[in-house]
Amino acid sequence: METRETRSSTDLPAVANAYNGRDRNEFLFGWTPQAELWNGRLAAIGFLAYLLWDLAGYSVVRDVLHLIGY
């Protein structure tokens, strides 16, 4: 069984600190490059969740179009 080495946030590769001197996967609040990465990740999860919901037969878009008469 392979063991993985963990690193402290001060011992990261140079590319991990390329944005603003912080770990690019660190969860930071505010207008930071890390926030944009997390925003994109969560948006992708939300889109996938909606797609699966729609494929299961529950379509918000179809229901709204039906309500307004299309």
PDB file of N, CA and C in Angstrom:
ATOM      1  N   MET A   1       0.846  -1.176   0.000  1.00  0.00           N
ATOM      2  CA  MET A   1       0.000   0.000   0.000  1.00  0.00           C
ATOM      3  C   MET A   1       0.891   1.238   0.000  1.00  0.00           C
ATOM      4  N   GLU A   2       0.569   2.148  -0.882  1.00  0.00           N
ATOM      5  CA  GLU A   2       1.360   3.364  -1.023  1.00  0.00           C
ATOM      6  C   GLU A   2       0.882   4.421  -0.032  1.00  0.00           C
ATOM      7  N   THR A   3       1.822   5.076   0.615  1.00  0.00           N
ATOM      8  CA  THR A   3       1.459   6.164   1.513  1.00  0.00           C
ATOM      9  C   THR A   3       1.736   7.487   0.817  1.00  0.00           C
ATOM     10  N   ARG A   4       0.886   8.445   1.068  1.00  0.00           N
ATOM     11  CA  ARG A   4       1.058   9.751   0.443  1.00  0.00           C
ATOM     12  C   ARG A   4       1.631  10.727   1.446  1.00  0.00           C
ATOM     13  N   GLU A   5       2.515  11.526   0.933  1.00  0.00           N
ATOM     14  CA  GLU A   5       3.136  12.550   1.756  1.00  0.00           C
ATOM     15  C   GLU A   5       2.253  13.794   1.759  1.00  0.00           C
ATOM     16  N   THR A   6       2.037  14.364   2.922  1.00  0.00           N
ATOM     17  CA  THR A   6       1.296  15.614   2.992  1.00  0.00           C
ATOM     18  C   THR A   6       2.275  16.762   3.192  1.00  0.00           C
ATOM     19  N   ARG A   7       1.922  17.892   2.652  1.00  0.00           N
ATOM     20  CA  ARG A   7       2.792  19.058   2.736  1.00  0.00           C
ATOM     21  C   ARG A   7       2.082  20.174   3.490  1.00  0.00           C
ATOM     22  N   SER A   8       2.857  20.986   4.149  1.00  0.00           N
ATOM     23  CA  SER A   8       2.270  22.172   4.757  1.00  0.00           C
ATOM     24  C   SER A   8       2.046  23.208   3.661  1.00  0.00           C
ATOM     25  N   SER A   9       1.228  24.203   3.949  1.00  0.00           N
ATOM     26  CA  SER A   9       0.923  25.203   2.927  1.00  0.00           C
ATOM     27  C   SER A   9       2.118  26.096   2.618  1.00  0.00           C
ATOM     28  N   THR A  10       3.170  26.037   3.423  1.00  0.00           N
ATOM     29  CA  THR A  10       4.361  26.833   3.128  1.00  0.00           C
ATOM     30  C   THR A  10       5.341  26.074   2.247  1.00  0.00           C
ATOM     31  N   ASP A  11       5.105  24.773   2.036  1.00  0.00           N
ATOM     32  CA  ASP A  11       6.008  23.935   1.255  1.00  0.00           C
ATOM     33  C   ASP A  11       5.325  23.456  -0.032  1.00  0.00           C
ATOM     34  N   LEU A  12       4.631  24.352  -0.711  1.00  0.00           N
ATOM     35  CA  LEU A  12       3.899  23.988  -1.922  1.00  0.00           C
ATOM     36  C   LEU A  12       4.740  24.262  -3.153  1.00  0.00           C
ATOM     37  N   PRO A  13       4.458  23.560  -4.257  1.00  0.00           N
ATOM     38  CA  PRO A  13       5.146  23.865  -5.508  1.00  0.00           C
ATOM     39  C   PRO A  13       4.860  25.306  -5.933  1.00  0.00           C
ATOM     40  N   ALA A  14       5.726  25.855  -6.753  1.00  0.00           N
ATOM     41  CA  ALA A  14       5.590  27.254  -7.160  1.00  0.00           C
ATOM     42  C   ALA A  14       4.277  27.521  -7.876  1.00  0.00           C
ATOM     43  N   VAL A  15       3.786  26.566  -8.657  1.00  0.00           N
ATOM     44  CA  VAL A  15       2.544  26.784  -9.406  1.00  0.00           C
ATOM     45  C   VAL A  15       1.347  26.911  -8.464  1.00  0.00           C
ATOM     46  N   ALA A  16       1.390  26.296  -7.302  1.00  0.00           N
ATOM     47  CA  ALA A  16       0.273  26.383  -6.360  1.00  0.00           C
ATOM     48  C   ALA A  16       0.146  27.781  -5.785  1.00  0.00           C
ATOM     49  N   ASN A  17       1.226  28.511  -5.717  1.00  0.00           N
ATOM     50  CA  ASN A  17       1.198  29.862  -5.179  1.00  0.00           C
ATOM     51  C   ASN A  17       1.209  30.927  -6.272  1.00  0.00           C
ATOM     52  N   ALA A  18       0.944  30.547  -7.507  1.00  0.00           N
ATOM     53  CA  ALA A  18       1.086  31.468  -8.633  1.00  0.00           C
ATOM     54  C   ALA A  18       0.049  32.579  -8.632  1.00  0.00           C
ATOM     55  N   TYR A  19      -1.088  32.403  -7.998  1.00  0.00           N
ATOM     56  CA  TYR A  19      -2.157  33.391  -8.071  1.00  0.00           C
ATOM     57  C   TYR A  19      -1.874  34.618  -7.224  1.00  0.00           C
ATOM     58  N   ASN A  20      -1.838  34.453  -5.937  1.00  0.00           N
ATOM     59  CA  ASN A  20      -1.625  35.598  -5.056  1.00  0.00           C
ATOM     60  C   ASN A  20      -0.780  35.220  -3.843  1.00  0.00           C
ATOM     61  N   GLY A  21       0.096  34.277  -4.040  1.00  0.00           N
ATOM     62  CA  GLY A  21       0.970  33.858  -2.956  1.00  0.00           C
ATOM     63  C   GLY A  21       0.328  32.914  -1.967  1.00  0.00           C
ATOM     64  N   ARG A  22      -0.895  32.482  -2.249  1.00  0.00           N
ATOM     65  CA  ARG A  22      -1.609  31.553  -1.374  1.00  0.00           C
ATOM     66  C   ARG A  22      -1.879  30.272  -2.154  1.00  0.00           C
ATOM     67  N   ASP A  23      -2.175  29.218  -1.447  1.00  0.00           N
ATOM     68  CA  ASP A  23      -2.527  27.942  -2.074  1.00  0.00           C
ATOM     69  C   ASP A  23      -3.761  28.155  -2.949  1.00  0.00           C
ATOM     70  N   ARG A  24      -3.710  27.732  -4.216  1.00  0.00           N
ATOM     71  CA  ARG A  24      -4.827  28.012  -5.125  1.00  0.00           C
ATOM     72  C   ARG A  24      -6.077  27.220  -4.794  1.00  0.00           C
ATOM     73  N   ASN A  25      -5.996  26.194  -3.951  1.00  0.00           N
ATOM     74  CA  ASN A  25      -7.178  25.445  -3.543  1.00  0.00           C
ATOM     75  C   ASN A  25      -7.672  25.842  -2.159  1.00  0.00           C
ATOM     76  N   GLU A  26      -7.044  26.830  -1.544  1.00  0.00           N
ATOM     77  CA  GLU A  26      -7.464  27.295  -0.232  1.00  0.00           C
ATOM     78  C   GLU A  26      -8.815  27.982  -0.365  1.00  0.00           C
ATOM     79  N   PHE A  27      -9.708  27.723   0.599  1.00  0.00           N
ATOM     80  CA  PHE A  27     -11.042  28.322   0.556  1.00  0.00           C
ATOM     81  C   PHE A  27     -10.971  29.682   1.223  1.00  0.00           C
ATOM     82  N   LEU A  28     -10.937  30.741   0.414  1.00  0.00           N
ATOM     83  CA  LEU A  28     -10.857  32.111   0.910  1.00  0.00           C
ATOM     84  C   LEU A  28     -12.119  32.860   0.521  1.00  0.00           C
ATOM     85  N   PHE A  29     -12.597  33.708   1.411  1.00  0.00           N
ATOM     86  CA  PHE A  29     -13.747  34.544   1.109  1.00  0.00           C
ATOM     87  C   PHE A  29     -13.273  35.837   0.469  1.00  0.00           C
ATOM     88  N   GLY A  30     -14.126  36.451  -0.314  1.00  0.00           N
ATOM     89  CA  GLY A  30     -13.794  37.724  -0.931  1.00  0.00           C
ATOM     90  C   GLY A  30     -13.494  37.564  -2.406  1.00  0.00           C
ATOM     91  N   TRP A  31     -13.041  38.645  -3.027  1.00  0.00           N
ATOM     92  CA  TRP A  31     -12.734  38.662  -4.455  1.00  0.00           C
ATOM     93  C   TRP A  31     -11.305  38.200  -4.659  1.00  0.00           C
ATOM     94  N   THR A  32     -11.106  36.899  -4.636  1.00  0.00           N
ATOM     95  CA  THR A  32      -9.774  36.330  -4.786  1.00  0.00           C
ATOM     96  C   THR A  32      -9.790  35.333  -5.939  1.00  0.00           C
ATOM     97  N   PRO A  33      -8.629  35.033  -6.506  1.00  0.00           N
ATOM     98  CA  PRO A  33      -8.586  34.001  -7.554  1.00  0.00           C
ATOM     99  C   PRO A  33      -9.085  32.646  -7.046  1.00  0.00           C
ATOM    100  N   GLN A  34      -8.845  32.357  -5.776  1.00  0.00           N
ATOM    101  CA  GLN A  34      -9.330  31.096  -5.217  1.00  0.00           C
ATOM    102  C   GLN A  34     -10.851  31.056  -5.214  1.00  0.00           C
ATOM    103  N   ALA A  35     -11.485  32.188  -4.936  1.00  0.00           N
ATOM    104  CA  ALA A  35     -12.952  32.234  -4.945  1.00  0.00           C
ATOM    105  C   ALA A  35     -13.489  31.946  -6.341  1.00  0.00           C
ATOM    106  N   GLU A  36     -12.801  32.431  -7.364  1.00  0.00           N
ATOM    107  CA  GLU A  36     -13.238  32.162  -8.732  1.00  0.00           C
ATOM    108  C   GLU A  36     -13.112  30.679  -9.076  1.00  0.00           C
ATOM    109  N   LEU A  37     -12.064  30.031  -8.599  1.00  0.00           N
ATOM    110  CA  LEU A  37     -11.923  28.586  -8.828  1.00  0.00           C
ATOM    111  C   LEU A  37     -13.057  27.823  -8.157  1.00  0.00           C
ATOM    112  N   TRP A  38     -13.336  28.169  -6.887  1.00  0.00           N
ATOM    113  CA  TRP A  38     -14.416  27.481  -6.172  1.00  0.00           C
ATOM    114  C   TRP A  38     -15.775  27.793  -6.803  1.00  0.00           C
ATOM    115  N   ASN A  39     -15.966  29.011  -7.277  1.00  0.00           N
ATOM    116  CA  ASN A  39     -17.207  29.373  -7.944  1.00  0.00           C
ATOM    117  C   ASN A  39     -17.422  28.504  -9.184  1.00  0.00           C
ATOM    118  N   GLY A  40     -16.384  28.324  -9.978  1.00  0.00           N
ATOM    119  CA  GLY A  40     -16.491  27.488 -11.168  1.00  0.00           C
ATOM    120  C   GLY A  40     -16.777  26.036 -10.836  1.00  0.00           C
ATOM    121  N   ARG A  41     -16.116  25.535  -9.808  1.00  0.00           N
ATOM    122  CA  ARG A  41     -16.343  24.141  -9.397  1.00  0.00           C
ATOM    123  C   ARG A  41     -17.770  23.933  -8.925  1.00  0.00           C
ATOM    124  N   LEU A  42     -18.256  24.840  -8.087  1.00  0.00           N
ATOM    125  CA  LEU A  42     -19.618  24.695  -7.572  1.00  0.00           C
ATOM    126  C   LEU A  42     -20.658  24.905  -8.668  1.00  0.00           C
ATOM    127  N   ALA A  43     -20.371  25.789  -9.625  1.00  0.00           N
ATOM    128  CA  ALA A  43     -21.283  25.970 -10.753  1.00  0.00           C
ATOM    129  C   ALA A  43     -21.369  24.702 -11.593  1.00  0.00           C
ATOM    130  N   ALA A  44     -20.248  24.039 -11.792  1.00  0.00           N
ATOM    131  CA  ALA A  44     -20.249  22.785 -12.556  1.00  0.00           C
ATOM    132  C   ALA A  44     -21.045  21.711 -11.832  1.00  0.00           C
ATOM    133  N   ILE A  45     -20.913  21.644 -10.516  1.00  0.00           N
ATOM    134  CA  ILE A  45     -21.684  20.674  -9.732  1.00  0.00           C
ATOM    135  C   ILE A  45     -23.176  20.999  -9.831  1.00  0.00           C
ATOM    136  N   GLY A  46     -23.527  22.285  -9.746  1.00  0.00           N
ATOM    137  CA  GLY A  46     -24.926  22.690  -9.852  1.00  0.00           C
ATOM    138  C   GLY A  46     -25.509  22.380 -11.214  1.00  0.00           C
ATOM    139  N   PHE A  47     -24.735  22.618 -12.269  1.00  0.00           N
ATOM    140  CA  PHE A  47     -25.205  22.309 -13.617  1.00  0.00           C
ATOM    141  C   PHE A  47     -25.434  20.813 -13.779  1.00  0.00           C
ATOM    142  N   LEU A  48     -24.524  20.003 -13.284  1.00  0.00           N
ATOM    143  CA  LEU A  48     -24.682  18.552 -13.370  1.00  0.00           C
ATOM    144  C   LEU A  48     -25.899  18.098 -12.571  1.00  0.00           C
ATOM    145  N   ALA A  49     -26.092  18.678 -11.385  1.00  0.00           N
ATOM    146  CA  ALA A  49     -27.256  18.311 -10.570  1.00  0.00           C
ATOM    147  C   ALA A  49     -28.555  18.656 -11.296  1.00  0.00           C
ATOM    148  N   TYR A  50     -28.606  19.852 -11.920  1.00  0.00           N
ATOM    149  CA  TYR A  50     -29.809  20.221 -12.661  1.00  0.00           C
ATOM    150  C   TYR A  50     -30.023  19.301 -13.857  1.00  0.00           C
ATOM    151  N   LEU A  51     -28.947  18.964 -14.557  1.00  0.00           N
ATOM    152  CA  LEU A  51     -29.075  18.072 -15.709  1.00  0.00           C
ATOM    153  C   LEU A  51     -29.635  16.720 -15.288  1.00  0.00           C
ATOM    154  N   LEU A  52     -29.135  16.173 -14.200  1.00  0.00           N
ATOM    155  CA  LEU A  52     -29.650  14.892 -13.708  1.00  0.00           C
ATOM    156  C   LEU A  52     -31.103  15.024 -13.262  1.00  0.00           C
ATOM    157  N   TRP A  53     -31.437  16.138 -12.613  1.00  0.00           N
ATOM    158  CA  TRP A  53     -32.815  16.394 -12.184  1.00  0.00           C
ATOM    159  C   TRP A  53     -33.735  16.449 -13.403  1.00  0.00           C
ATOM    160  N   ASP A  54     -33.280  17.127 -14.469  1.00  0.00           N
ATOM    161  CA  ASP A  54     -34.066  17.252 -15.687  1.00  0.00           C
ATOM    162  C   ASP A  54     -34.242  15.895 -16.367  1.00  0.00           C
ATOM    163  N   LEU A  55     -33.183  15.108 -16.404  1.00  0.00           N
ATOM    164  CA  LEU A  55     -33.270  13.782 -17.015  1.00  0.00           C
ATOM    165  C   LEU A  55     -34.181  12.841 -16.226  1.00  0.00           C
ATOM    166  N   ALA A  56     -34.359  13.118 -14.947  1.00  0.00           N
ATOM    167  CA  ALA A  56     -35.254  12.298 -14.127  1.00  0.00           C
ATOM    168  C   ALA A  56     -36.721  12.654 -14.354  1.00  0.00           C
ATOM    169  N   GLY A  57     -36.959  13.727 -15.150  1.00  0.00           N
ATOM    170  CA  GLY A  57     -38.336  14.083 -15.468  1.00  0.00           C
ATOM    171  C   GLY A  57     -38.848  15.326 -14.795  1.00  0.00           C
ATOM    172  N   TYR A  58     -38.047  15.961 -13.975  1.00  0.00           N
ATOM    173  CA  TYR A  58     -38.460  17.183 -13.285  1.00  0.00           C
ATOM    174  C   TYR A  58     -37.788  18.367 -13.961  1.00  0.00           C
ATOM    175  N   SER A  59     -38.473  19.000 -14.887  1.00  0.00           N
ATOM    176  CA  SER A  59     -37.863  20.087 -15.645  1.00  0.00           C
ATOM    177  C   SER A  59     -38.465  21.425 -15.247  1.00  0.00           C
ATOM    178  N   VAL A  60     -37.668  22.260 -14.632  1.00  0.00           N
ATOM    179  CA  VAL A  60     -38.111  23.593 -14.251  1.00  0.00           C
ATOM    180  C   VAL A  60     -38.401  24.418 -15.501  1.00  0.00           C
ATOM    181  N   VAL A  61     -37.526  24.342 -16.489  1.00  0.00           N
ATOM    182  CA  VAL A  61     -37.700  25.115 -17.721  1.00  0.00           C
ATOM    183  C   VAL A  61     -38.992  24.703 -18.429  1.00  0.00           C
ATOM    184  N   ARG A  62     -39.254  23.423 -18.552  1.00  0.00           N
ATOM    185  CA  ARG A  62     -40.469  22.950 -19.216  1.00  0.00           C
ATOM    186  C   ARG A  62     -41.711  23.388 -18.444  1.00  0.00           C
ATOM    187  N   ASP A  63     -41.660  23.328 -17.125  1.00  0.00           N
ATOM    188  CA  ASP A  63     -42.808  23.742 -16.314  1.00  0.00           C
ATOM    189  C   ASP A  63     -43.077  25.236 -16.445  1.00  0.00           C
ATOM    190  N   VAL A  64     -42.037  26.055 -16.483  1.00  0.00           N
ATOM    191  CA  VAL A  64     -42.217  27.498 -16.641  1.00  0.00           C
ATOM    192  C   VAL A  64     -42.786  27.805 -18.018  1.00  0.00           C
ATOM    193  N   LEU A  65     -42.262  27.167 -19.051  1.00  0.00           N
ATOM    194  CA  LEU A  65     -42.801  27.381 -20.409  1.00  0.00           C
ATOM    195  C   LEU A  65     -44.265  26.963 -20.490  1.00  0.00           C
ATOM    196  N   HIS A  66     -44.623  25.906 -19.792  1.00  0.00           N
ATOM    197  CA  HIS A  66     -46.015  25.440 -19.786  1.00  0.00           C
ATOM    198  C   HIS A  66     -46.908  26.469 -19.086  1.00  0.00           C
ATOM    199  N   LEU A  67     -46.397  27.083 -18.014  1.00  0.00           N
ATOM    200  CA  LEU A  67     -47.188  28.061 -17.262  1.00  0.00           C
ATOM    201  C   LEU A  67     -47.447  29.335 -18.069  1.00  0.00           C
ATOM    202  N   ILE A  68     -46.488  29.726 -18.900  1.00  0.00           N
ATOM    203  CA  ILE A  68     -46.685  30.965 -19.665  1.00  0.00           C
ATOM    204  C   ILE A  68     -47.322  30.705 -21.033  1.00  0.00           C
ATOM    205  N   GLY A  69     -47.663  29.462 -21.314  1.00  0.00           N
ATOM    206  CA  GLY A  69     -48.447  29.147 -22.502  1.00  0.00           C
ATOM    207  C   GLY A  69     -47.691  28.692 -23.724  1.00  0.00           C
ATOM    208  N   TYR A  70     -46.451  28.308 -23.588  1.00  0.00           N
ATOM    209  CA  TYR A  70     -45.721  27.805 -24.758  1.00  0.00           C
ATOM    210  C   TYR A  70     -45.813  26.329 -24.867  1.00  0.00           C
TER     211      TYR A  70
END
